[in-house]
Amino acid sequence: MDKRMSARATVRFYERYNHDRDAALPALRQQRENMYLLDKAFVDLFLTEGRVLDVGCGTGDFISLLGRSIQKSGLDIDGAALRAGCNRHPDIEFFDSFDLLQNAKPFDAIVFRGTLQYQRDLDRVAVFCLEQTTPGGSVILLATPNVDSPLACLQRERWPLFNGLQHLYHFSIDTLRRLFRGFELMHYDFPYVGTPYEDREEDLRKFVSLCRGDTTTERFAFWGSVMRVVFRRAAGVSR
């Protein structure tokens, strides 16, 4: 937490963040786009119509994959990404602040794809989700780091998903339950097998090496490191 940026510095830091990241790491961009298709299929299991907000949407490439019966909105502080998204996806309504959504029509689902850990004020985010979802509405968390994972427990600060500058918080299923009070936990899993990041034999070799106490700075994917979690607003909970 010592490295937390000010709100103004955060806005400057993330300007063109999506563009520069993708330009520097095109192979990772391709993996991420392949993962979009798997995450889209997962979201389809819980949502087929209604209004959806994607928090940390970048250019909107992920939410754009959802079906035509979905009314799509995206939120991000990367101004360059939002401008590109407006040109690329005219059917998506983009916003750069939670404040602009306070009086919006409620959403049937709010999606955080790998972005919950970036949010500066989690209490505000949790209240926003409770106030801005419809009765029975969902919060869907994708690509969210799991601090209870085998790799996190072994590597701790060397864990690839530990990022003290950008990832302001780290979650487990238990802490997510406590954060999203007023929601019921409907589903969670840990995608790894069958994802673009899986290299099962090599990843297992590296994991066994860590268990033996070998020191390594290699970054690798493994089961449990990220989670997909679905919460549904509990019946009888007022906004």
C-alpha atoms as a PDB file:
ATOM      1  CA  MET A   1       0.000   0.000   0.000  1.00  0.00           C
ATOM      2  CA  ASP A   2       3.010   2.316   0.380  1.00  0.00           C
ATOM      3  CA  LYS A   3       3.196   2.799  -3.394  1.00  0.00           C
ATOM      4  CA  ARG A   4      -0.417   3.826  -3.901  1.00  0.00           C
ATOM      5  CA  MET A   5      -0.701   6.660  -6.406  1.00  0.00           C
ATOM      6  CA  SER A   6      -2.819   9.742  -5.876  1.00  0.00           C
ATOM      7  CA  ALA A   7      -6.073   9.967  -7.804  1.00  0.00           C
ATOM      8  CA  ARG A   8      -4.565  12.498 -10.217  1.00  0.00           C
ATOM      9  CA  ALA A   9      -1.430  10.419 -10.765  1.00  0.00           C
ATOM     10  CA  THR A  10      -3.602   7.346 -11.377  1.00  0.00           C
ATOM     11  CA  VAL A  11      -5.454   9.080 -14.208  1.00  0.00           C
ATOM     12  CA  ARG A  12      -2.141  10.124 -15.785  1.00  0.00           C
ATOM     13  CA  PHE A  13      -0.683   6.634 -15.342  1.00  0.00           C
ATOM     14  CA  TYR A  14      -3.564   4.898 -17.116  1.00  0.00           C
ATOM     15  CA  GLU A  15      -3.842   7.321 -20.043  1.00  0.00           C
ATOM     16  CA  ARG A  16      -3.002   5.165 -23.108  1.00  0.00           C
ATOM     17  CA  TYR A  17      -2.358   2.224 -20.742  1.00  0.00           C
ATOM     18  CA  ASN A  18      -4.355  -0.221 -22.867  1.00  0.00           C
ATOM     19  CA  HIS A  19      -2.763   0.855 -26.131  1.00  0.00           C
ATOM     20  CA  ASP A  20       0.807   0.852 -24.828  1.00  0.00           C
ATOM     21  CA  ARG A  21       0.391  -2.518 -23.079  1.00  0.00           C
ATOM     22  CA  ASP A  22      -0.988  -4.179 -26.194  1.00  0.00           C
ATOM     23  CA  ALA A  23       1.656  -2.625 -28.448  1.00  0.00           C
ATOM     24  CA  ALA A  24       4.459  -3.820 -26.177  1.00  0.00           C
ATOM     25  CA  LEU A  25       3.085  -7.346 -25.649  1.00  0.00           C
ATOM     26  CA  PRO A  26       1.159  -8.453 -28.763  1.00  0.00           C
ATOM     27  CA  ALA A  27       1.398 -12.164 -27.824  1.00  0.00           C
ATOM     28  CA  LEU A  28      -0.280 -11.488 -24.477  1.00  0.00           C
ATOM     29  CA  ARG A  29      -2.934  -9.448 -26.247  1.00  0.00           C
ATOM     30  CA  GLN A  30      -3.715 -12.441 -28.459  1.00  0.00           C
ATOM     31  CA  GLN A  31      -3.962 -14.709 -25.413  1.00  0.00           C
ATOM     32  CA  ARG A  32      -6.283 -12.213 -23.750  1.00  0.00           C
ATOM     33  CA  GLU A  33      -8.505 -12.002 -26.827  1.00  0.00           C
ATOM     34  CA  ASN A  34      -8.713 -15.799 -26.931  1.00  0.00           C
ATOM     35  CA  MET A  35      -9.674 -15.765 -23.254  1.00  0.00           C
ATOM     36  CA  TYR A  36     -12.396 -13.207 -24.039  1.00  0.00           C
ATOM     37  CA  LEU A  37     -14.240 -15.929 -25.956  1.00  0.00           C
ATOM     38  CA  LEU A  38     -14.128 -18.324 -22.996  1.00  0.00           C
ATOM     39  CA  ASP A  39     -15.260 -15.611 -20.588  1.00  0.00           C
ATOM     40  CA  LYS A  40     -18.035 -14.582 -22.952  1.00  0.00           C
ATOM     41  CA  ALA A  41     -19.325 -18.171 -22.985  1.00  0.00           C
ATOM     42  CA  PHE A  42     -19.213 -18.154 -19.175  1.00  0.00           C
ATOM     43  CA  VAL A  43     -21.194 -14.902 -18.926  1.00  0.00           C
ATOM     44  CA  ASP A  44     -23.761 -16.313 -21.364  1.00  0.00           C
ATOM     45  CA  LEU A  45     -24.568 -19.000 -18.776  1.00  0.00           C
ATOM     46  CA  PHE A  46     -25.880 -16.344 -16.394  1.00  0.00           C
ATOM     47  CA  LEU A  47     -27.052 -13.527 -18.646  1.00  0.00           C
ATOM     48  CA  THR A  48     -28.828 -13.498 -21.996  1.00  0.00           C
ATOM     49  CA  GLU A  49     -30.454 -10.053 -22.022  1.00  0.00           C
ATOM     50  CA  GLY A  50     -30.645  -6.758 -20.148  1.00  0.00           C
ATOM     51  CA  ARG A  51     -28.317  -3.903 -19.289  1.00  0.00           C
ATOM     52  CA  VAL A  52     -24.649  -4.680 -18.547  1.00  0.00           C
ATOM     53  CA  LEU A  53     -21.851  -2.457 -17.271  1.00  0.00           C
ATOM     54  CA  ASP A  54     -18.236  -3.494 -17.823  1.00  0.00           C
ATOM     55  CA  VAL A  55     -16.007  -1.757 -15.228  1.00  0.00           C
ATOM     56  CA  GLY A  56     -12.481  -1.258 -16.564  1.00  0.00           C
ATOM     57  CA  CYS A  57     -13.690  -1.928 -20.087  1.00  0.00           C
ATOM     58  CA  GLY A  58     -10.728  -0.505 -21.995  1.00  0.00           C
ATOM     59  CA  THR A  59     -11.849  -0.145 -25.604  1.00  0.00           C
ATOM     60  CA  GLY A  60     -14.906  -2.328 -24.961  1.00  0.00           C
ATOM     61  CA  ASP A  61     -13.617  -5.301 -26.934  1.00  0.00           C
ATOM     62  CA  PHE A  62     -14.791  -7.835 -24.351  1.00  0.00           C
ATOM     63  CA  ILE A  63     -18.291  -6.522 -23.667  1.00  0.00           C
ATOM     64  CA  SER A  64     -18.810  -6.043 -27.402  1.00  0.00           C
ATOM     65  CA  LEU A  65     -18.843  -9.846 -27.724  1.00  0.00           C
ATOM     66  CA  LEU A  66     -22.011 -10.185 -25.662  1.00  0.00           C
ATOM     67  CA  GLY A  67     -25.264 -10.828 -27.519  1.00  0.00           C
ATOM     68  CA  ARG A  68     -27.356  -8.299 -29.411  1.00  0.00           C
ATOM     69  CA  SER A  69     -30.043  -8.410 -26.723  1.00  0.00           C
ATOM     70  CA  ILE A  70     -27.545  -6.933 -24.238  1.00  0.00           C
ATOM     71  CA  GLN A  71     -27.519  -3.157 -23.761  1.00  0.00           C
ATOM     72  CA  LYS A  72     -23.819  -2.471 -23.247  1.00  0.00           C
ATOM     73  CA  SER A  73     -22.086   0.194 -21.159  1.00  0.00           C
ATOM     74  CA  GLY A  74     -18.410   0.533 -20.297  1.00  0.00           C
ATOM     75  CA  LEU A  75     -16.484   2.431 -17.630  1.00  0.00           C
ATOM     76  CA  ASP A  76     -12.762   3.250 -17.705  1.00  0.00           C
ATOM     77  CA  ILE A  77     -10.360   6.056 -16.786  1.00  0.00           C
ATOM     78  CA  ASP A  78      -8.116   5.486 -19.825  1.00  0.00           C
ATOM     79  CA  GLY A  79      -9.292   8.358 -22.006  1.00  0.00           C
ATOM     80  CA  ALA A  80      -7.473   7.112 -25.099  1.00  0.00           C
ATOM     81  CA  ALA A  81      -9.115   3.697 -24.776  1.00  0.00           C
ATOM     82  CA  LEU A  82     -12.554   5.259 -24.420  1.00  0.00           C
ATOM     83  CA  ARG A  83     -12.046   7.406 -27.512  1.00  0.00           C
ATOM     84  CA  ALA A  84     -10.931   4.374 -29.503  1.00  0.00           C
ATOM     85  CA  GLY A  85     -13.847   2.371 -28.131  1.00  0.00           C
ATOM     86  CA  CYS A  86     -16.390   4.975 -29.202  1.00  0.00           C
ATOM     87  CA  ASN A  87     -15.134   4.680 -32.763  1.00  0.00           C
ATOM     88  CA  ARG A  88     -14.813   0.903 -32.706  1.00  0.00           C
ATOM     89  CA  HIS A  89     -18.056   0.029 -30.897  1.00  0.00           C
ATOM     90  CA  PRO A  90     -20.755   2.678 -31.462  1.00  0.00           C
ATOM     91  CA  ASP A  91     -23.340   0.452 -29.757  1.00  0.00           C
ATOM     92  CA  ILE A  92     -21.534   0.767 -26.384  1.00  0.00           C
ATOM     93  CA  GLU A  93     -22.158   3.747 -24.099  1.00  0.00           C
ATOM     94  CA  PHE A  94     -18.869   4.738 -22.450  1.00  0.00           C
ATOM     95  CA  PHE A  95     -18.282   6.549 -19.146  1.00  0.00           C
ATOM     96  CA  ASP A  96     -15.140   7.731 -17.367  1.00  0.00           C
ATOM     97  CA  SER A  97     -16.496   8.040 -13.804  1.00  0.00           C
ATOM     98  CA  PHE A  98     -18.806   6.211 -11.406  1.00  0.00           C
ATOM     99  CA  ASP A  99     -20.347   9.618 -10.648  1.00  0.00           C
ATOM    100  CA  LEU A 100     -21.850   9.766 -14.141  1.00  0.00           C
ATOM    101  CA  LEU A 101     -23.726   6.537 -13.434  1.00  0.00           C
ATOM    102  CA  GLN A 102     -25.266   7.369 -10.070  1.00  0.00           C
ATOM    103  CA  ASN A 103     -28.621   8.266 -11.601  1.00  0.00           C
ATOM    104  CA  ALA A 104     -28.483   5.795 -14.470  1.00  0.00           C
ATOM    105  CA  LYS A 105     -31.081   3.115 -15.041  1.00  0.00           C
ATOM    106  CA  PRO A 106     -30.075   0.041 -12.959  1.00  0.00           C
ATOM    107  CA  PHE A 107     -28.032  -2.699 -14.564  1.00  0.00           C
ATOM    108  CA  ASP A 108     -28.894  -6.373 -14.764  1.00  0.00           C
ATOM    109  CA  ALA A 109     -25.214  -7.217 -14.403  1.00  0.00           C
ATOM    110  CA  ILE A 110     -21.994  -5.398 -13.519  1.00  0.00           C
ATOM    111  CA  VAL A 111     -18.841  -7.087 -14.799  1.00  0.00           C
ATOM    112  CA  PHE A 112     -15.292  -6.677 -13.507  1.00  0.00           C
ATOM    113  CA  ARG A 113     -12.926  -8.501 -15.837  1.00  0.00           C
ATOM    114  CA  GLY A 114      -9.573  -8.429 -14.050  1.00  0.00           C
ATOM    115  CA  THR A 115     -10.303  -4.957 -12.701  1.00  0.00           C
ATOM    116  CA  LEU A 116     -11.704  -5.252  -9.166  1.00  0.00           C
ATOM    117  CA  GLN A 117      -8.190  -5.236  -7.688  1.00  0.00           C
ATOM    118  CA  TYR A 118      -7.525  -1.851  -9.316  1.00  0.00           C
ATOM    119  CA  GLN A 119     -10.420  -0.039  -7.623  1.00  0.00           C
ATOM    120  CA  ARG A 120      -9.303   2.598  -5.121  1.00  0.00           C
ATOM    121  CA  ASP A 121     -12.433   2.663  -2.933  1.00  0.00           C
ATOM    122  CA  LEU A 122     -13.861  -0.820  -2.515  1.00  0.00           C
ATOM    123  CA  ASP A 123     -16.608   0.281  -0.135  1.00  0.00           C
ATOM    124  CA  ARG A 124     -17.849   2.722  -2.738  1.00  0.00           C
ATOM    125  CA  VAL A 125     -17.684   0.053  -5.420  1.00  0.00           C
ATOM    126  CA  ALA A 126     -19.671  -2.423  -3.307  1.00  0.00           C
ATOM    127  CA  VAL A 127     -22.348   0.175  -2.491  1.00  0.00           C
ATOM    128  CA  PHE A 128     -22.510   1.209  -6.146  1.00  0.00           C
ATOM    129  CA  CYS A 129     -23.080  -2.403  -7.182  1.00  0.00           C
ATOM    130  CA  LEU A 130     -25.846  -2.834  -4.621  1.00  0.00           C
ATOM    131  CA  GLU A 131     -27.550   0.423  -5.576  1.00  0.00           C
ATOM    132  CA  GLN A 132     -27.152   0.086  -9.335  1.00  0.00           C
ATOM    133  CA  THR A 133     -28.256  -3.506  -9.912  1.00  0.00           C
ATOM    134  CA  THR A 134     -31.809  -4.612 -10.572  1.00  0.00           C
ATOM    135  CA  PRO A 135     -33.573  -7.047  -8.188  1.00  0.00           C
ATOM    136  CA  GLY A 136     -31.838 -10.347  -8.836  1.00  0.00           C
ATOM    137  CA  GLY A 137     -29.066  -8.519 -10.696  1.00  0.00           C
ATOM    138  CA  SER A 138     -25.551  -9.942 -10.790  1.00  0.00           C
ATOM    139  CA  VAL A 139     -21.970  -8.949 -10.137  1.00  0.00           C
ATOM    140  CA  ILE A 140     -19.695 -11.067 -12.332  1.00  0.00           C
ATOM    141  CA  LEU A 141     -15.987 -11.174 -11.551  1.00  0.00           C
ATOM    142  CA  LEU A 142     -13.651 -12.546 -14.221  1.00  0.00           C
ATOM    143  CA  ALA A 143      -9.852 -12.964 -14.229  1.00  0.00           C
ATOM    144  CA  THR A 144      -9.691 -11.963 -10.562  1.00  0.00           C
ATOM    145  CA  PRO A 145      -6.493 -12.944  -8.694  1.00  0.00           C
ATOM    146  CA  ASN A 146      -7.039 -15.456  -5.880  1.00  0.00           C
ATOM    147  CA  VAL A 147      -4.763 -14.783  -2.908  1.00  0.00           C
ATOM    148  CA  ASP A 148      -5.603 -18.225  -1.467  1.00  0.00           C
ATOM    149  CA  SER A 149      -4.207 -19.974  -4.540  1.00  0.00           C
ATOM    150  CA  PRO A 150      -1.330 -22.476  -4.319  1.00  0.00           C
ATOM    151  CA  LEU A 151       1.044 -20.153  -6.183  1.00  0.00           C
ATOM    152  CA  ALA A 152       0.136 -17.135  -4.045  1.00  0.00           C
ATOM    153  CA  CYS A 153       0.775 -19.123  -0.862  1.00  0.00           C
ATOM    154  CA  LEU A 154       4.153 -20.330  -2.143  1.00  0.00           C
ATOM    155  CA  GLN A 155       5.449 -17.195  -3.846  1.00  0.00           C
ATOM    156  CA  ARG A 156       3.804 -14.449  -1.790  1.00  0.00           C
ATOM    157  CA  GLU A 157       5.359 -11.123  -2.939  1.00  0.00           C
ATOM    158  CA  ARG A 158       6.992 -12.950  -5.877  1.00  0.00           C
ATOM    159  CA  TRP A 159       3.597 -14.171  -7.093  1.00  0.00           C
ATOM    160  CA  PRO A 160       3.123 -12.844 -10.654  1.00  0.00           C
ATOM    161  CA  LEU A 161      -0.314 -11.461  -9.751  1.00  0.00           C
ATOM    162  CA  PHE A 162       1.025  -9.521  -6.782  1.00  0.00           C
ATOM    163  CA  ASN A 163       1.489  -5.987  -8.055  1.00  0.00           C
ATOM    164  CA  GLY A 164       1.923  -3.450  -5.301  1.00  0.00           C
ATOM    165  CA  LEU A 165       1.594  -0.450  -7.619  1.00  0.00           C
ATOM    166  CA  GLN A 166      -1.471  -1.365  -9.666  1.00  0.00           C
ATOM    167  CA  HIS A 167      -3.234  -4.176  -7.777  1.00  0.00           C
ATOM    168  CA  LEU A 168      -4.390  -2.287  -4.717  1.00  0.00           C
ATOM    169  CA  TYR A 169      -6.197  -5.250  -3.151  1.00  0.00           C
ATOM    170  CA  HIS A 170      -5.987  -9.030  -3.272  1.00  0.00           C
ATOM    171  CA  PHE A 171      -9.019 -11.239  -2.766  1.00  0.00           C
ATOM    172  CA  SER A 172     -10.137 -14.670  -1.685  1.00  0.00           C
ATOM    173  CA  ILE A 173     -13.617 -16.159  -1.968  1.00  0.00           C
ATOM    174  CA  ASP A 174     -14.132 -15.322   1.713  1.00  0.00           C
ATOM    175  CA  THR A 175     -13.148 -11.656   1.421  1.00  0.00           C
ATOM    176  CA  LEU A 176     -15.313 -11.286  -1.687  1.00  0.00           C
ATOM    177  CA  ARG A 177     -18.291 -12.650   0.262  1.00  0.00           C
ATOM    178  CA  ARG A 178     -17.724 -10.003   2.914  1.00  0.00           C
ATOM    179  CA  LEU A 179     -17.205  -7.229   0.385  1.00  0.00           C
ATOM    180  CA  PHE A 180     -20.413  -7.898  -1.524  1.00  0.00           C
ATOM    181  CA  ARG A 181     -22.783  -7.929   1.421  1.00  0.00           C
ATOM    182  CA  GLY A 182     -26.367  -8.000   0.202  1.00  0.00           C
ATOM    183  CA  PHE A 183     -25.428 -10.418  -2.583  1.00  0.00           C
ATOM    184  CA  GLU A 184     -25.637 -14.207  -2.640  1.00  0.00           C
ATOM    185  CA  LEU A 185     -22.671 -16.205  -3.893  1.00  0.00           C
ATOM    186  CA  MET A 186     -24.003 -18.175  -6.862  1.00  0.00           C
ATOM    187  CA  HIS A 187     -20.901 -19.711  -8.413  1.00  0.00           C
ATOM    188  CA  TYR A 188     -17.116 -19.701  -8.425  1.00  0.00           C
ATOM    189  CA  ASP A 189     -14.405 -21.613 -10.269  1.00  0.00           C
ATOM    190  CA  PHE A 190     -10.724 -21.357 -11.126  1.00  0.00           C
ATOM    191  CA  PRO A 191     -10.159 -21.372 -14.906  1.00  0.00           C
ATOM    192  CA  TYR A 192      -6.849 -22.848 -16.019  1.00  0.00           C
ATOM    193  CA  VAL A 193      -7.289 -26.110 -17.948  1.00  0.00           C
ATOM    194  CA  GLY A 194      -8.262 -25.311 -21.516  1.00  0.00           C
ATOM    195  CA  THR A 195      -7.327 -21.624 -21.290  1.00  0.00           C
ATOM    196  CA  PRO A 196      -4.767 -19.914 -23.569  1.00  0.00           C
ATOM    197  CA  TYR A 197      -2.428 -19.661 -20.568  1.00  0.00           C
ATOM    198  CA  GLU A 198      -2.236 -23.382 -19.805  1.00  0.00           C
ATOM    199  CA  ASP A 199       1.051 -25.229 -20.351  1.00  0.00           C
ATOM    200  CA  ARG A 200       0.194 -28.068 -18.006  1.00  0.00           C
ATOM    201  CA  GLU A 201       3.375 -30.167 -18.068  1.00  0.00           C
ATOM    202  CA  GLU A 202       5.763 -27.224 -17.874  1.00  0.00           C
ATOM    203  CA  ASP A 203       3.662 -25.358 -15.302  1.00  0.00           C
ATOM    204  CA  LEU A 204       3.526 -28.446 -13.099  1.00  0.00           C
ATOM    205  CA  ARG A 205       7.307 -28.856 -13.350  1.00  0.00           C
ATOM    206  CA  LYS A 206       7.793 -25.277 -12.194  1.00  0.00           C
ATOM    207  CA  PHE A 207       5.273 -25.712  -9.392  1.00  0.00           C
ATOM    208  CA  VAL A 208       7.012 -28.839  -8.075  1.00  0.00           C
ATOM    209  CA  SER A 209      10.305 -26.952  -8.175  1.00  0.00           C
ATOM    210  CA  LEU A 210       8.767 -24.240  -5.995  1.00  0.00           C
ATOM    211  CA  CYS A 211       7.428 -26.845  -3.557  1.00  0.00           C
ATOM    212  CA  ARG A 212      10.961 -28.198  -3.210  1.00  0.00           C
ATOM    213  CA  GLY A 213      12.168 -24.770  -2.182  1.00  0.00           C
ATOM    214  CA  ASP A 214      13.893 -23.742  -5.382  1.00  0.00           C
ATOM    215  CA  THR A 215      13.958 -19.992  -5.944  1.00  0.00           C
ATOM    216  CA  THR A 216      12.577 -18.852  -9.281  1.00  0.00           C
ATOM    217  CA  THR A 217      11.407 -15.576 -10.731  1.00  0.00           C
ATOM    218  CA  GLU A 218       9.640 -17.284 -13.628  1.00  0.00           C
ATOM    219  CA  ARG A 219       6.054 -16.204 -14.196  1.00  0.00           C
ATOM    220  CA  PHE A 220       3.667 -18.992 -15.030  1.00  0.00           C
ATOM    221  CA  ALA A 221      -0.014 -19.770 -14.907  1.00  0.00           C
ATOM    222  CA  PHE A 222      -1.426 -22.405 -12.569  1.00  0.00           C
ATOM    223  CA  TRP A 223      -4.739 -23.731 -11.335  1.00  0.00           C
ATOM    224  CA  GLY A 224      -6.324 -21.491  -8.690  1.00  0.00           C
ATOM    225  CA  SER A 225      -4.415 -18.316  -9.484  1.00  0.00           C
ATOM    226  CA  VAL A 226      -7.465 -16.563 -10.931  1.00  0.00           C
ATOM    227  CA  MET A 227     -11.142 -17.009 -10.223  1.00  0.00           C
ATOM    228  CA  ARG A 228     -14.500 -16.413 -11.848  1.00  0.00           C
ATOM    229  CA  VAL A 229     -17.165 -15.500  -9.320  1.00  0.00           C
ATOM    230  CA  VAL A 230     -20.855 -14.680  -9.695  1.00  0.00           C
ATOM    231  CA  PHE A 231     -22.901 -12.880  -7.041  1.00  0.00           C
ATOM    232  CA  ARG A 232     -26.618 -12.205  -7.264  1.00  0.00           C
ATOM    233  CA  ARG A 233     -28.420  -9.469  -5.394  1.00  0.00           C
ATOM    234  CA  ALA A 234     -30.274 -11.166  -2.586  1.00  0.00           C
ATOM    235  CA  ALA A 235     -34.068 -11.186  -2.571  1.00  0.00           C
ATOM    236  CA  GLY A 236     -35.588  -8.508  -0.388  1.00  0.00           C
ATOM    237  CA  VAL A 237     -32.457  -6.316  -0.292  1.00  0.00           C
ATOM    238  CA  SER A 238     -33.446  -2.708  -0.972  1.00  0.00           C
ATOM    239  CA  ARG A 239     -31.268  -0.362  -2.938  1.00  0.00           C
END
